[in-house]
Amino acid sequence: MTVSEPARSHQISEQDLHARSAEIMNGLERGESYAATRNSSKIGDLNPIRHRRRFVSRADFAAMSQSMPILDDRKYREDMDRHVNDDLFDPYDRAYGRDEFTEAAEGPPRQVWSTPPS
């Protein structure tokens, strides 16, 4: 999404920006955009922050979803299997890789004290 070029009246020089900063800030709050210039050459844009909606109604979501392509879950899984290597990370590898859960790693039975040793 591109922002349209500000109107000629909204081009401001470096000196104007310094001298009229409060007026320009008020204009930004009203939604106005400015093109900043130095030596008559455009060097940047001052644009207001566009606040995004956080809530999307069910009707809006349904309307936006109309143009979405239909997801083929089998093709998605095939693509994931082809491009993602699940062997690189195994959540159980840390424990099983150190033989913590094998009988060889158990060793002698642990002493369980009913009272602290003296």
N, C-alpha and C. Protein backbone atom coordinates (compact mmCIF):
# COMPACT_ATOMS: atom_id res chain seq x y z
N MET A 1 0.85 -1.17 0.00
CA MET A 1 0.00 0.00 0.00
C MET A 1 0.90 1.23 0.00
N THR A 2 0.69 2.13 -0.93
CA THR A 2 1.50 3.33 -1.01
C THR A 2 0.68 4.52 -0.55
N VAL A 3 1.39 5.48 -0.01
CA VAL A 3 0.75 6.72 0.44
C VAL A 3 0.87 7.71 -0.70
N SER A 4 -0.21 8.36 -1.03
CA SER A 4 -0.18 9.32 -2.13
C SER A 4 0.72 10.50 -1.76
N GLU A 5 1.23 11.12 -2.77
CA GLU A 5 2.11 12.27 -2.60
C GLU A 5 1.34 13.41 -1.93
N PRO A 6 1.93 14.03 -0.89
CA PRO A 6 1.23 15.14 -0.24
C PRO A 6 1.00 16.30 -1.21
N ALA A 7 -0.04 17.06 -0.93
CA ALA A 7 -0.35 18.23 -1.76
C ALA A 7 0.80 19.23 -1.68
N ARG A 8 0.90 20.09 -2.69
CA ARG A 8 1.98 21.08 -2.74
C ARG A 8 1.99 21.94 -1.49
N SER A 9 0.82 22.26 -0.93
CA SER A 9 0.74 23.11 0.25
C SER A 9 1.30 22.40 1.49
N HIS A 10 1.47 21.05 1.41
CA HIS A 10 1.98 20.30 2.55
C HIS A 10 3.45 19.96 2.42
N GLN A 11 4.14 20.62 1.48
CA GLN A 11 5.59 20.46 1.41
C GLN A 11 6.20 21.47 2.36
N ILE A 12 7.12 21.00 3.18
CA ILE A 12 7.72 21.89 4.17
C ILE A 12 9.23 21.83 4.07
N SER A 13 9.85 22.99 4.20
CA SER A 13 11.30 23.05 4.17
C SER A 13 11.85 22.75 5.56
N GLU A 14 13.15 22.58 5.62
CA GLU A 14 13.80 22.31 6.90
C GLU A 14 13.54 23.45 7.88
N GLN A 15 13.57 24.68 7.38
CA GLN A 15 13.33 25.85 8.24
C GLN A 15 11.88 25.86 8.73
N ASP A 16 10.92 25.53 7.82
CA ASP A 16 9.51 25.48 8.23
C ASP A 16 9.30 24.42 9.30
N LEU A 17 9.93 23.29 9.13
CA LEU A 17 9.80 22.21 10.11
C LEU A 17 10.27 22.68 11.48
N HIS A 18 11.35 23.40 11.51
CA HIS A 18 11.88 23.90 12.77
C HIS A 18 10.97 25.00 13.35
N ALA A 19 10.53 25.93 12.52
CA ALA A 19 9.76 27.08 12.99
C ALA A 19 8.31 26.72 13.31
N ARG A 20 7.72 25.78 12.57
CA ARG A 20 6.29 25.48 12.72
C ARG A 20 6.05 24.06 13.23
N SER A 21 6.95 23.56 14.06
CA SER A 21 6.85 22.16 14.49
C SER A 21 5.53 21.86 15.20
N ALA A 22 5.05 22.75 16.05
CA ALA A 22 3.79 22.50 16.76
C ALA A 22 2.62 22.43 15.78
N GLU A 23 2.60 23.34 14.82
CA GLU A 23 1.53 23.34 13.81
C GLU A 23 1.57 22.06 12.96
N ILE A 24 2.77 21.63 12.61
CA ILE A 24 2.93 20.41 11.81
C ILE A 24 2.51 19.18 12.61
N MET A 25 2.87 19.13 13.88
CA MET A 25 2.46 18.01 14.74
C MET A 25 0.94 17.96 14.86
N ASN A 26 0.30 19.11 14.99
CA ASN A 26 -1.17 19.14 15.04
C ASN A 26 -1.76 18.64 13.73
N GLY A 27 -1.14 19.00 12.61
CA GLY A 27 -1.60 18.51 11.32
C GLY A 27 -1.46 17.00 11.21
N LEU A 28 -0.36 16.46 11.72
CA LEU A 28 -0.18 15.01 11.72
C LEU A 28 -1.27 14.33 12.55
N GLU A 29 -1.61 14.92 13.68
CA GLU A 29 -2.69 14.36 14.51
C GLU A 29 -4.03 14.36 13.76
N ARG A 30 -4.23 15.35 12.90
CA ARG A 30 -5.47 15.41 12.11
C ARG A 30 -5.42 14.47 10.90
N GLY A 31 -4.27 13.82 10.67
CA GLY A 31 -4.16 12.89 9.56
C GLY A 31 -3.50 13.45 8.32
N GLU A 32 -2.93 14.64 8.41
CA GLU A 32 -2.29 15.25 7.25
C GLU A 32 -0.87 14.69 7.08
N SER A 33 -0.41 14.65 5.83
CA SER A 33 0.94 14.18 5.51
C SER A 33 1.75 15.35 4.99
N TYR A 34 3.07 15.28 5.18
CA TYR A 34 3.96 16.35 4.77
C TYR A 34 5.16 15.75 4.04
N ALA A 35 5.65 16.49 3.04
CA ALA A 35 6.89 16.13 2.35
C ALA A 35 7.95 17.12 2.82
N ALA A 36 9.00 16.61 3.44
CA ALA A 36 10.08 17.47 3.93
C ALA A 36 11.10 17.68 2.82
N THR A 37 11.54 18.94 2.67
CA THR A 37 12.51 19.27 1.63
C THR A 37 13.71 19.96 2.23
N ARG A 38 14.85 19.81 1.55
CA ARG A 38 16.07 20.55 1.89
C ARG A 38 16.64 21.05 0.57
N ASN A 39 16.86 22.35 0.49
CA ASN A 39 17.36 22.97 -0.75
C ASN A 39 16.46 22.60 -1.94
N SER A 40 15.16 22.62 -1.71
CA SER A 40 14.13 22.34 -2.72
C SER A 40 14.12 20.90 -3.21
N SER A 41 14.85 20.01 -2.55
CA SER A 41 14.84 18.59 -2.92
C SER A 41 14.14 17.81 -1.81
N LYS A 42 13.24 16.96 -2.23
CA LYS A 42 12.50 16.16 -1.25
C LYS A 42 13.45 15.17 -0.57
N ILE A 43 13.42 15.15 0.77
CA ILE A 43 14.29 14.23 1.50
C ILE A 43 13.51 13.23 2.35
N GLY A 44 12.21 13.44 2.51
CA GLY A 44 11.44 12.48 3.30
C GLY A 44 9.99 12.87 3.43
N ASP A 45 9.24 11.96 4.03
CA ASP A 45 7.82 12.16 4.26
C ASP A 45 7.52 12.08 5.75
N LEU A 46 6.60 12.91 6.19
CA LEU A 46 6.06 12.81 7.54
C LEU A 46 4.62 12.38 7.39
N ASN A 47 4.31 11.18 7.87
CA ASN A 47 2.97 10.62 7.74
C ASN A 47 2.42 10.26 9.11
N PRO A 48 1.13 10.44 9.31
CA PRO A 48 0.55 10.05 10.60
C PRO A 48 0.54 8.53 10.74
N ILE A 49 0.57 8.06 11.96
CA ILE A 49 0.50 6.64 12.23
C ILE A 49 -0.92 6.18 11.95
N ARG A 50 -1.04 5.14 11.19
CA ARG A 50 -2.36 4.58 10.89
C ARG A 50 -2.66 3.55 11.96
N HIS A 51 -3.67 3.81 12.75
CA HIS A 51 -4.04 2.88 13.81
C HIS A 51 -4.80 1.71 13.21
N ARG A 52 -4.35 0.52 13.54
CA ARG A 52 -5.00 -0.67 13.01
C ARG A 52 -6.09 -1.13 13.96
N ARG A 53 -7.12 -1.68 13.36
CA ARG A 53 -8.18 -2.25 14.19
C ARG A 53 -7.68 -3.54 14.81
N ARG A 54 -7.99 -3.76 16.06
CA ARG A 54 -7.61 -5.02 16.70
C ARG A 54 -8.73 -6.04 16.58
N PHE A 55 -9.96 -5.57 16.55
CA PHE A 55 -11.10 -6.47 16.47
C PHE A 55 -11.59 -6.54 15.04
N VAL A 56 -11.82 -7.72 14.57
CA VAL A 56 -12.39 -7.92 13.24
C VAL A 56 -13.69 -8.69 13.44
N SER A 57 -14.77 -8.12 12.96
CA SER A 57 -16.07 -8.77 13.13
C SER A 57 -16.13 -10.05 12.31
N ARG A 58 -17.04 -10.91 12.67
CA ARG A 58 -17.22 -12.17 11.95
C ARG A 58 -17.58 -11.91 10.49
N ALA A 59 -18.43 -10.91 10.26
CA ALA A 59 -18.85 -10.58 8.90
C ALA A 59 -17.66 -10.09 8.07
N ASP A 60 -16.80 -9.23 8.67
CA ASP A 60 -15.63 -8.74 7.95
C ASP A 60 -14.66 -9.89 7.66
N PHE A 61 -14.47 -10.77 8.63
CA PHE A 61 -13.57 -11.91 8.43
C PHE A 61 -14.09 -12.80 7.30
N ALA A 62 -15.40 -13.05 7.30
CA ALA A 62 -16.00 -13.89 6.24
C ALA A 62 -15.83 -13.22 4.88
N ALA A 63 -16.00 -11.91 4.82
CA ALA A 63 -15.86 -11.20 3.55
C ALA A 63 -14.41 -11.26 3.06
N MET A 64 -13.45 -11.10 3.96
CA MET A 64 -12.04 -11.18 3.56
C MET A 64 -11.66 -12.59 3.16
N SER A 65 -12.27 -13.57 3.79
CA SER A 65 -11.94 -14.97 3.52
C SER A 65 -12.46 -15.44 2.17
N GLN A 66 -13.42 -14.74 1.60
CA GLN A 66 -14.00 -15.14 0.31
C GLN A 66 -12.93 -15.22 -0.78
N SER A 67 -11.98 -14.31 -0.74
CA SER A 67 -10.98 -14.26 -1.80
C SER A 67 -9.75 -15.14 -1.52
N MET A 68 -9.72 -15.80 -0.37
CA MET A 68 -8.58 -16.66 -0.03
C MET A 68 -8.64 -17.95 -0.83
N PRO A 69 -7.49 -18.47 -1.24
CA PRO A 69 -7.50 -19.74 -1.97
C PRO A 69 -7.85 -20.88 -1.01
N ILE A 70 -8.42 -21.93 -1.56
CA ILE A 70 -8.76 -23.10 -0.76
C ILE A 70 -7.48 -23.87 -0.48
N LEU A 71 -7.26 -24.21 0.77
CA LEU A 71 -6.05 -24.91 1.18
C LEU A 71 -6.25 -26.41 1.02
N ASP A 72 -5.37 -27.03 0.25
CA ASP A 72 -5.38 -28.47 0.09
C ASP A 72 -4.46 -29.03 1.18
N ASP A 73 -5.04 -29.62 2.23
CA ASP A 73 -4.24 -30.04 3.37
C ASP A 73 -3.26 -31.16 3.01
N ARG A 74 -3.61 -32.01 2.06
CA ARG A 74 -2.67 -33.07 1.66
C ARG A 74 -1.45 -32.47 0.95
N LYS A 75 -1.70 -31.51 0.06
CA LYS A 75 -0.59 -30.87 -0.64
C LYS A 75 0.26 -30.06 0.35
N TYR A 76 -0.39 -29.41 1.30
CA TYR A 76 0.34 -28.66 2.33
C TYR A 76 1.27 -29.60 3.10
N ARG A 77 0.76 -30.76 3.52
CA ARG A 77 1.56 -31.72 4.27
C ARG A 77 2.71 -32.24 3.42
N GLU A 78 2.46 -32.50 2.13
CA GLU A 78 3.53 -32.94 1.23
C GLU A 78 4.61 -31.88 1.11
N ASP A 79 4.19 -30.62 0.95
CA ASP A 79 5.16 -29.53 0.87
C ASP A 79 5.98 -29.42 2.15
N MET A 80 5.31 -29.51 3.29
CA MET A 80 6.02 -29.43 4.56
C MET A 80 7.01 -30.58 4.72
N ASP A 81 6.60 -31.79 4.36
CA ASP A 81 7.49 -32.94 4.46
C ASP A 81 8.69 -32.80 3.53
N ARG A 82 8.46 -32.20 2.36
CA ARG A 82 9.54 -32.04 1.39
C ARG A 82 10.53 -30.95 1.82
N HIS A 83 10.04 -29.87 2.43
CA HIS A 83 10.91 -28.72 2.71
C HIS A 83 11.36 -28.59 4.16
N VAL A 84 10.72 -29.28 5.08
CA VAL A 84 11.07 -29.14 6.49
C VAL A 84 11.63 -30.45 6.99
N ASN A 85 12.80 -30.40 7.57
CA ASN A 85 13.44 -31.59 8.08
C ASN A 85 13.12 -31.73 9.56
N ASP A 86 12.17 -32.58 9.89
CA ASP A 86 11.78 -32.78 11.28
C ASP A 86 12.84 -33.54 12.08
N ASP A 87 13.79 -34.15 11.40
CA ASP A 87 14.82 -34.90 12.11
C ASP A 87 15.79 -33.98 12.83
N LEU A 88 15.80 -32.69 12.48
CA LEU A 88 16.73 -31.77 13.12
C LEU A 88 16.38 -31.52 14.57
N PHE A 89 15.13 -31.64 14.94
CA PHE A 89 14.73 -31.38 16.32
C PHE A 89 13.76 -32.45 16.77
N ASP A 90 14.14 -33.13 17.82
CA ASP A 90 13.27 -34.13 18.44
C ASP A 90 13.09 -33.71 19.89
N PRO A 91 11.89 -33.38 20.32
CA PRO A 91 11.71 -32.90 21.68
C PRO A 91 12.11 -33.92 22.73
N TYR A 92 12.15 -35.20 22.38
CA TYR A 92 12.53 -36.23 23.34
C TYR A 92 14.00 -36.58 23.27
N ASP A 93 14.72 -35.99 22.35
CA ASP A 93 16.11 -36.34 22.13
C ASP A 93 16.98 -36.05 23.34
N ARG A 94 16.70 -34.97 24.05
CA ARG A 94 17.53 -34.63 25.20
C ARG A 94 17.51 -35.72 26.24
N ALA A 95 16.35 -36.25 26.55
CA ALA A 95 16.25 -37.29 27.58
C ALA A 95 16.69 -38.65 27.04
N TYR A 96 16.15 -39.05 25.90
CA TYR A 96 16.46 -40.38 25.37
C TYR A 96 17.88 -40.45 24.82
N GLY A 97 18.40 -39.34 24.34
CA GLY A 97 19.75 -39.33 23.79
C GLY A 97 20.81 -39.57 24.86
N ARG A 98 20.52 -39.28 26.10
CA ARG A 98 21.48 -39.49 27.19
C ARG A 98 21.21 -40.79 27.92
N ASP A 99 20.34 -41.62 27.37
CA ASP A 99 20.01 -42.91 27.98
C ASP A 99 19.41 -42.78 29.37
N GLU A 100 18.71 -41.70 29.64
CA GLU A 100 18.11 -41.53 30.96
C GLU A 100 16.95 -42.48 31.19
N PHE A 101 16.34 -42.94 30.12
CA PHE A 101 15.15 -43.76 30.28
C PHE A 101 15.40 -45.22 29.87
N THR A 102 16.64 -45.62 29.83
CA THR A 102 16.94 -47.02 29.52
C THR A 102 17.37 -47.72 30.79
N GLU A 103 17.25 -49.04 30.79
CA GLU A 103 17.61 -49.80 31.99
C GLU A 103 19.09 -49.72 32.26
N ALA A 104 19.93 -49.57 31.24
CA ALA A 104 21.37 -49.48 31.44
C ALA A 104 21.73 -48.24 32.23
N ALA A 105 20.94 -47.21 32.14
CA ALA A 105 21.24 -45.97 32.83
C ALA A 105 20.73 -45.96 34.26
N GLU A 106 19.92 -46.93 34.62
CA GLU A 106 19.35 -46.91 35.96
C GLU A 106 20.41 -47.16 37.02
N GLY A 107 21.35 -48.07 36.79
CA GLY A 107 22.41 -48.34 37.77
C GLY A 107 21.83 -48.98 39.02
N PRO A 108 22.59 -48.90 40.11
CA PRO A 108 22.11 -49.50 41.35
C PRO A 108 20.91 -48.75 41.90
N PRO A 109 20.06 -49.44 42.64
CA PRO A 109 18.89 -48.75 43.20
C PRO A 109 19.32 -47.64 44.14
N ARG A 110 18.55 -46.57 44.14
CA ARG A 110 18.86 -45.44 45.02
C ARG A 110 18.42 -45.75 46.43
N GLN A 111 19.16 -45.25 47.38
CA GLN A 111 18.81 -45.40 48.79
C GLN A 111 17.75 -44.37 49.14
N VAL A 112 16.65 -44.81 49.71
CA VAL A 112 15.60 -43.91 50.13
C VAL A 112 15.61 -43.90 51.64
N TRP A 113 15.82 -42.72 52.22
CA TRP A 113 15.92 -42.60 53.67
C TRP A 113 14.57 -42.26 54.25
N SER A 114 14.17 -42.97 55.27
CA SER A 114 12.96 -42.59 55.98
C SER A 114 13.27 -41.49 56.99
N THR A 115 14.49 -41.47 57.49
CA THR A 115 14.96 -40.41 58.38
C THR A 115 16.29 -39.94 57.84
N PRO A 116 16.65 -38.73 58.06
CA PRO A 116 17.92 -38.22 57.54
C PRO A 116 19.07 -39.03 58.13
N PRO A 117 20.12 -39.27 57.34
CA PRO A 117 21.29 -40.00 57.87
C PRO A 117 21.95 -39.21 58.97
N SER A 118 22.56 -39.89 59.91
CA SER A 118 23.20 -39.20 61.04
C SER A 118 24.68 -39.18 60.88
